[in-house]
Amino acid sequence: MMKQFLLFFALIFISTINTKAQTAEISGDAFAHTYSIVARDAKTGEMVVGVQSHWFSVGPLVAWGKSGVGVVATQSFVNPAFGPEGLKLLDQGYTPEEAVESLINNDEGRDFRQLAILGKSGDNAAYTGQKCVAEAEHLNGDNFSVQANMMLNDEVVPAMAEAFVENANLPLAERVIAVLKAAQDAGGDIRGKQSAALIVVGPDKVEEVWKDKKIDLRVDDHENPIEELDRLLKTARAYEFMNRGDLAMEEGNVEKALEEYGTAESMFPDNLEMRFWKAVALANSDRLDEAKQIFDRIFEEDENWRTMLKRLPKAGLIDVSEEEMEMLTE
């Protein structure tokens, strides 16, 4: 009887030591208990990571991507090395499944990890460690993988997958916003909401590092991070038209610039800068009376834009005479 007792005690002791050893492997790792999606647009080849968590600034921890290579989401007790290392393995020719297997097999904290990798062809693989906090699971589909841990219920991941499939008509970034909203509507993170992020990379490799991410948005701390992420995406879309307007101005295509600026303004009519550059385009196309009406309303709200307008001739951004400039700024 005494021998059996001693054996039982020894087994408990060994089990406790093993548990402490495993926990030690993740003791310094950041939390990112969360839900996320990695996905590809079959039409454009763009790839995306979308994520939300009740944790400060989840984006830099979870979301990784490289144009022409793939995207990675690393979460739960985060091993941040999975991001750059996963992309490196994809770039070396590993399949997503091989990359996941290689990373997980070389990580002693594997039981606490959650990882998803998607390559440029849309192939994807995911892993959920057996000690990720419930509810925790992943689901792989055609050109996407959705994964979550520490959810309120087991309906979150299926809701994400369904939303991705049902919103195939949307651009990829907007499609992922719909997925994140579906996750939240299904219950989301059991702790609530705090931060979110969205990155989109292209189908082809780029030489200039600043062109690598086509969209890179973060909400580090907000009471409604997905709604804020949605707002930022809409703003980013509007500024895409502003950028096209700027390019048209550089090329001397005033009518094209006017069209692009007008589209941006229609998306955000209260944005003074969008209205300002539309007025500049009008002035450059000799539609001075229309331009002045817009400028006057802008100056009533903020006098700094009057000073700004006076500086444009020297920069070559507006082509009007001194008399015309005086008329526009009086």
Protein backbone atom coordinates (compact mmCIF):
# COMPACT_ATOMS: atom_id res chain seq x y z
CA MET A 1 0.00 0.00 0.00
CA MET A 2 2.81 2.37 0.90
CA LYS A 3 4.58 1.60 -2.41
CA GLN A 4 1.40 2.36 -4.37
CA PHE A 5 1.00 5.64 -2.50
CA LEU A 6 4.58 6.64 -3.19
CA LEU A 7 4.19 5.75 -6.88
CA PHE A 8 0.98 7.81 -7.11
CA PHE A 9 2.68 10.79 -5.44
CA ALA A 10 5.65 10.49 -7.77
CA LEU A 11 3.41 10.51 -10.84
CA ILE A 12 1.61 13.64 -9.61
CA PHE A 13 4.96 15.30 -8.91
CA ILE A 14 6.30 14.46 -12.37
CA SER A 15 3.07 15.68 -14.00
CA THR A 16 3.32 18.97 -12.08
CA ILE A 17 6.94 19.42 -13.13
CA ASN A 18 6.05 18.77 -16.78
CA THR A 19 3.17 21.26 -16.64
CA LYS A 20 5.41 23.92 -15.10
CA ALA A 21 8.07 23.23 -17.72
CA GLN A 22 5.56 23.63 -20.54
CA THR A 23 4.18 26.80 -19.01
CA ALA A 24 7.72 28.16 -18.71
CA GLU A 25 8.07 27.84 -22.47
CA ILE A 26 5.35 30.47 -22.97
CA SER A 27 5.80 32.57 -19.84
CA GLY A 28 7.42 35.42 -21.73
CA ASP A 29 5.15 35.27 -24.77
CA ALA A 30 2.55 37.90 -25.52
CA PHE A 31 -1.12 37.02 -25.41
CA ALA A 32 -3.18 37.37 -28.57
CA HIS A 33 -6.26 35.33 -27.81
CA THR A 34 -8.29 36.28 -30.79
CA TYR A 35 -10.08 35.45 -34.00
CA SER A 36 -8.51 35.95 -37.41
CA ILE A 37 -8.70 35.12 -41.10
CA VAL A 38 -6.05 34.58 -43.76
CA ALA A 39 -7.45 34.62 -47.27
CA ARG A 40 -6.88 35.17 -50.98
CA ASP A 41 -9.00 36.80 -53.66
CA ALA A 42 -9.24 34.27 -56.48
CA LYS A 43 -9.78 37.07 -59.05
CA THR A 44 -7.03 39.52 -58.11
CA GLY A 45 -4.59 37.25 -56.28
CA GLU A 46 -4.45 39.68 -53.36
CA MET A 47 -3.95 38.13 -49.91
CA VAL A 48 -5.17 39.37 -46.54
CA VAL A 49 -4.99 38.97 -42.78
CA GLY A 50 -7.82 40.33 -40.64
CA VAL A 51 -7.83 40.07 -36.85
CA GLN A 52 -9.63 41.32 -33.73
CA SER A 53 -8.79 40.75 -30.07
CA HIS A 54 -9.41 41.99 -26.55
CA TRP A 55 -5.73 42.89 -26.33
CA PHE A 56 -3.83 46.10 -27.00
CA SER A 57 -2.38 46.52 -30.52
CA VAL A 58 -3.01 43.01 -31.81
CA GLY A 59 -1.95 43.77 -35.40
CA PRO A 60 1.87 43.77 -35.10
CA LEU A 61 1.76 40.48 -33.19
CA VAL A 62 -0.67 38.48 -35.30
CA ALA A 63 -0.74 39.74 -38.90
CA TRP A 64 2.15 39.10 -41.31
CA GLY A 65 2.26 39.24 -45.09
CA LYS A 66 4.49 39.69 -48.10
CA SER A 67 3.42 40.39 -51.67
CA GLY A 68 3.92 37.47 -54.03
CA VAL A 69 4.65 35.14 -51.10
CA GLY A 70 1.76 34.74 -48.65
CA VAL A 71 0.24 35.68 -45.32
CA VAL A 72 0.52 34.37 -41.76
CA ALA A 73 -1.59 34.71 -38.61
CA THR A 74 0.13 33.66 -35.37
CA GLN A 75 -1.96 33.87 -32.20
CA SER A 76 -3.02 32.47 -28.81
CA PHE A 77 0.25 32.57 -26.82
CA VAL A 78 2.03 34.23 -29.75
CA ASN A 79 5.31 33.03 -31.12
CA PRO A 80 6.13 36.15 -33.18
CA ALA A 81 8.90 34.31 -35.01
CA PHE A 82 6.19 32.33 -36.81
CA GLY A 83 5.40 35.43 -38.89
CA PRO A 84 8.73 36.16 -40.59
CA GLU A 85 9.84 32.54 -40.47
CA GLY A 86 6.61 31.34 -42.04
CA LEU A 87 6.96 33.84 -44.89
CA LYS A 88 10.57 32.82 -45.35
CA LEU A 89 9.62 29.16 -45.65
CA LEU A 90 6.93 29.98 -48.22
CA ASP A 91 9.46 32.01 -50.19
CA GLN A 92 11.79 29.01 -50.16
CA GLY A 93 9.14 26.84 -51.76
CA TYR A 94 7.52 25.19 -48.74
CA THR A 95 3.80 24.55 -48.98
CA PRO A 96 1.69 26.12 -46.22
CA GLU A 97 1.21 22.65 -44.70
CA GLU A 98 4.96 22.01 -44.70
CA ALA A 99 5.62 25.46 -43.23
CA VAL A 100 3.12 24.95 -40.41
CA GLU A 101 4.52 21.52 -39.65
CA SER A 102 8.10 22.80 -39.60
CA LEU A 103 7.33 25.73 -37.30
CA ILE A 104 5.16 23.77 -34.88
CA ASN A 105 7.51 20.79 -34.63
CA ASN A 106 10.38 23.08 -33.64
CA ASP A 107 8.42 24.92 -30.95
CA GLU A 108 8.28 23.49 -27.44
CA GLY A 109 5.29 25.71 -26.70
CA ARG A 110 3.32 24.17 -29.56
CA ASP A 111 0.42 23.08 -27.36
CA PHE A 112 -0.41 26.72 -26.64
CA ARG A 113 -0.06 28.04 -30.20
CA GLN A 114 -2.49 28.77 -32.97
CA LEU A 115 -1.16 29.34 -36.47
CA ALA A 116 -2.52 29.78 -40.00
CA ILE A 117 -0.52 30.17 -43.22
CA LEU A 118 -1.78 30.87 -46.74
CA GLY A 119 0.36 30.89 -49.88
CA LYS A 120 0.07 32.89 -53.08
CA SER A 121 -1.87 30.10 -54.82
CA GLY A 122 -4.50 30.08 -52.07
CA ASP A 123 -3.35 26.82 -50.49
CA ASN A 124 -3.55 27.09 -46.71
CA ALA A 125 -2.98 25.19 -43.50
CA ALA A 126 -3.65 25.82 -39.83
CA TYR A 127 -2.88 24.42 -36.39
CA THR A 128 -4.59 24.75 -33.03
CA GLY A 129 -2.69 23.54 -29.97
CA GLN A 130 -4.51 21.27 -27.55
CA LYS A 131 -4.02 23.76 -24.70
CA CYS A 132 -5.39 26.81 -26.47
CA VAL A 133 -8.16 28.26 -24.33
CA ALA A 134 -11.66 27.14 -25.36
CA GLU A 135 -13.50 27.77 -27.47
CA ALA A 136 -10.62 27.21 -29.89
CA GLU A 137 -10.62 25.79 -33.41
CA HIS A 138 -9.76 26.48 -37.04
CA LEU A 139 -11.50 25.82 -40.34
CA ASN A 140 -9.82 25.67 -43.74
CA GLY A 141 -11.65 26.41 -46.97
CA ASP A 142 -11.08 27.35 -50.59
CA ASN A 143 -8.63 30.29 -50.50
CA PHE A 144 -9.12 30.94 -46.78
CA SER A 145 -8.58 29.77 -43.23
CA VAL A 146 -10.41 31.10 -40.18
CA GLN A 147 -9.21 30.46 -36.63
CA ALA A 148 -10.08 31.54 -33.12
CA ASN A 149 -9.38 30.86 -29.48
CA MET A 150 -10.91 32.04 -26.21
CA MET A 151 -14.24 32.59 -27.93
CA LEU A 152 -17.57 32.93 -26.17
CA ASN A 153 -18.91 29.87 -27.99
CA ASP A 154 -18.21 27.37 -30.77
CA GLU A 155 -20.31 29.26 -33.31
CA VAL A 156 -17.71 31.94 -34.06
CA VAL A 157 -15.45 30.06 -36.49
CA PRO A 158 -18.30 28.58 -38.59
CA ALA A 159 -19.89 32.06 -38.79
CA MET A 160 -16.61 33.47 -40.10
CA ALA A 161 -16.31 30.80 -42.78
CA GLU A 162 -19.91 31.34 -43.85
CA ALA A 163 -19.44 35.11 -44.07
CA PHE A 164 -16.36 34.75 -46.26
CA VAL A 165 -18.15 32.49 -48.71
CA GLU A 166 -21.34 34.56 -48.79
CA ASN A 167 -19.56 37.89 -49.44
CA ALA A 168 -17.59 36.82 -52.51
CA ASN A 169 -18.92 39.84 -54.42
CA LEU A 170 -17.02 42.29 -52.19
CA PRO A 171 -13.42 43.45 -52.62
CA LEU A 172 -11.12 41.36 -50.43
CA ALA A 173 -10.60 43.91 -47.65
CA GLU A 174 -14.32 44.67 -47.35
CA ARG A 175 -15.02 40.94 -47.46
CA VAL A 176 -12.78 40.41 -44.45
CA ILE A 177 -14.49 43.23 -42.55
CA ALA A 178 -17.73 41.31 -43.09
CA VAL A 179 -16.04 38.19 -41.68
CA LEU A 180 -14.86 40.02 -38.56
CA LYS A 181 -18.33 41.48 -38.02
CA ALA A 182 -19.84 38.00 -38.35
CA ALA A 183 -17.43 36.68 -35.73
CA GLN A 184 -18.42 39.43 -33.32
CA ASP A 185 -22.13 38.93 -33.99
CA ALA A 186 -21.74 35.22 -33.24
CA GLY A 187 -20.24 35.97 -29.83
CA GLY A 188 -16.61 36.90 -30.48
CA ASP A 189 -13.88 37.00 -27.87
CA ILE A 190 -15.27 36.03 -24.47
CA ARG A 191 -13.46 39.02 -22.93
CA GLY A 192 -14.86 41.60 -25.34
CA LYS A 193 -13.26 43.95 -27.89
CA GLN A 194 -10.19 46.18 -27.98
CA SER A 195 -8.03 46.15 -31.11
CA ALA A 196 -8.11 45.05 -34.73
CA ALA A 197 -5.95 45.07 -37.84
CA LEU A 198 -6.15 44.49 -41.58
CA ILE A 199 -3.31 44.00 -44.05
CA VAL A 200 -3.55 43.28 -47.78
CA VAL A 201 -0.60 42.28 -49.96
CA GLY A 202 -0.43 41.80 -53.71
CA PRO A 203 -0.07 38.70 -55.88
CA ASP A 204 3.37 39.65 -57.20
CA LYS A 205 6.64 40.41 -55.49
CA VAL A 206 7.71 44.04 -55.38
CA GLU A 207 11.21 45.49 -55.20
CA GLU A 208 10.26 48.61 -53.25
CA VAL A 209 9.51 47.63 -49.66
CA TRP A 210 7.09 50.54 -49.24
CA LYS A 211 4.86 49.05 -51.95
CA ASP A 212 4.63 45.66 -50.26
CA LYS A 213 1.39 46.26 -48.37
CA LYS A 214 -1.52 47.57 -50.42
CA ILE A 215 -3.56 48.13 -47.24
CA ASP A 216 -2.13 48.32 -43.73
CA LEU A 217 -4.65 49.46 -41.11
CA ARG A 218 -4.54 49.17 -37.32
CA VAL A 219 -6.88 50.03 -34.49
CA ASP A 220 -4.75 49.66 -31.38
CA ASP A 221 -7.28 50.54 -28.66
CA HIS A 222 -10.96 51.26 -29.27
CA GLU A 223 -14.32 50.33 -27.75
CA ASN A 224 -15.56 49.21 -31.18
CA PRO A 225 -12.42 48.23 -33.09
CA ILE A 226 -14.10 46.52 -36.03
CA GLU A 227 -16.39 49.49 -36.69
CA GLU A 228 -13.36 51.76 -36.49
CA LEU A 229 -11.43 49.48 -38.83
CA ASP A 230 -14.34 49.65 -41.27
CA ARG A 231 -14.28 53.46 -41.08
CA LEU A 232 -10.54 53.55 -41.71
CA LEU A 233 -10.91 51.27 -44.71
CA LYS A 234 -13.55 53.56 -46.22
CA THR A 235 -11.25 56.52 -45.62
CA ALA A 236 -8.36 54.65 -47.23
CA ARG A 237 -10.51 53.92 -50.28
CA ALA A 238 -11.37 57.61 -50.59
CA TYR A 239 -7.72 58.57 -50.43
CA GLU A 240 -6.96 56.10 -53.19
CA PHE A 241 -9.01 58.39 -55.42
CA MET A 242 -7.14 61.39 -54.00
CA ASN A 243 -3.84 59.77 -54.92
CA ARG A 244 -5.09 59.11 -58.44
CA GLY A 245 -6.13 62.74 -58.65
CA ASP A 246 -2.65 63.84 -57.60
CA LEU A 247 -1.10 61.65 -60.30
CA ALA A 248 -3.47 63.08 -62.90
CA MET A 249 -2.48 66.60 -61.82
CA GLU A 250 1.20 65.71 -62.20
CA GLU A 251 0.45 64.46 -65.71
CA GLY A 252 -1.43 67.64 -66.57
CA ASN A 253 -4.73 65.79 -66.98
CA VAL A 254 -6.95 68.23 -65.14
CA GLU A 255 -10.24 66.63 -66.16
CA LYS A 256 -9.10 63.26 -64.88
CA ALA A 257 -7.91 64.86 -61.63
CA LEU A 258 -11.27 66.58 -61.25
CA GLU A 259 -13.06 63.26 -61.68
CA GLU A 260 -10.88 61.47 -59.10
CA TYR A 261 -11.06 64.29 -56.55
CA GLY A 262 -14.81 64.51 -57.05
CA THR A 263 -15.23 60.81 -56.32
CA ALA A 264 -13.15 61.13 -53.14
CA GLU A 265 -15.17 64.14 -52.03
CA SER A 266 -18.45 62.32 -52.61
CA MET A 267 -17.25 59.59 -50.26
CA PHE A 268 -16.26 62.10 -47.54
CA PRO A 269 -18.07 65.38 -48.25
CA ASP A 270 -17.04 66.93 -44.92
CA ASN A 271 -13.32 66.49 -45.56
CA LEU A 272 -11.92 69.97 -46.27
CA GLU A 273 -8.80 68.74 -48.04
CA MET A 274 -10.74 66.66 -50.54
CA ARG A 275 -12.95 69.66 -51.29
CA PHE A 276 -9.88 71.91 -51.56
CA TRP A 277 -8.10 69.84 -54.20
CA LYS A 278 -11.29 69.47 -56.19
CA ALA A 279 -11.51 73.29 -56.24
CA VAL A 280 -7.88 73.50 -57.34
CA ALA A 281 -8.65 71.15 -60.23
CA LEU A 282 -11.62 73.34 -61.16
CA ALA A 283 -9.41 76.43 -61.15
CA ASN A 284 -6.86 74.68 -63.34
CA SER A 285 -9.59 73.92 -65.87
CA ASP A 286 -10.62 77.62 -65.95
CA ARG A 287 -13.81 77.00 -64.00
CA LEU A 288 -12.93 79.79 -61.61
CA ASP A 289 -16.43 80.71 -60.45
CA GLU A 290 -17.12 77.10 -59.38
CA ALA A 291 -13.73 76.93 -57.69
CA LYS A 292 -14.30 80.17 -55.79
CA GLN A 293 -17.62 78.98 -54.39
CA ILE A 294 -15.90 75.95 -52.92
CA PHE A 295 -12.88 77.90 -51.68
CA ASP A 296 -15.10 80.46 -49.92
CA ARG A 297 -16.91 77.75 -47.98
CA ILE A 298 -13.59 76.14 -47.03
CA PHE A 299 -12.10 79.45 -45.86
CA GLU A 300 -15.14 80.06 -43.67
CA GLU A 301 -14.30 76.86 -41.80
CA ASP A 302 -10.52 77.19 -41.71
CA GLU A 303 -8.49 80.26 -42.74
CA ASN A 304 -5.31 78.22 -43.10
CA TRP A 305 -6.55 76.92 -46.45
CA ARG A 306 -6.55 80.51 -47.82
CA THR A 307 -2.87 80.74 -46.98
CA MET A 308 -2.32 77.30 -48.46
CA LEU A 309 -3.93 78.35 -51.75
CA LYS A 310 -1.64 81.38 -52.05
CA ARG A 311 1.40 79.08 -51.80
CA LEU A 312 0.40 76.80 -54.67
CA PRO A 313 1.54 78.91 -57.67
CA LYS A 314 5.17 78.82 -56.56
CA ALA A 315 4.93 75.03 -56.25
CA GLY A 316 3.42 74.79 -59.72
CA LEU A 317 0.21 73.20 -58.44
CA ILE A 318 -2.19 75.85 -59.72
CA ASP A 319 -2.08 77.78 -62.99
CA VAL A 320 -3.84 81.11 -62.50
CA SER A 321 -2.85 84.72 -62.94
CA GLU A 322 -2.15 87.06 -60.03
CA GLU A 323 -5.49 88.73 -60.64
CA GLU A 324 -7.28 85.40 -60.64
CA MET A 325 -5.51 84.33 -57.45
CA GLU A 326 -6.57 87.57 -55.79
CA MET A 327 -10.16 86.88 -56.85
CA LEU A 328 -10.03 83.35 -55.47
CA THR A 329 -8.60 84.41 -52.11
CA GLU A 330 -10.44 87.70 -51.44
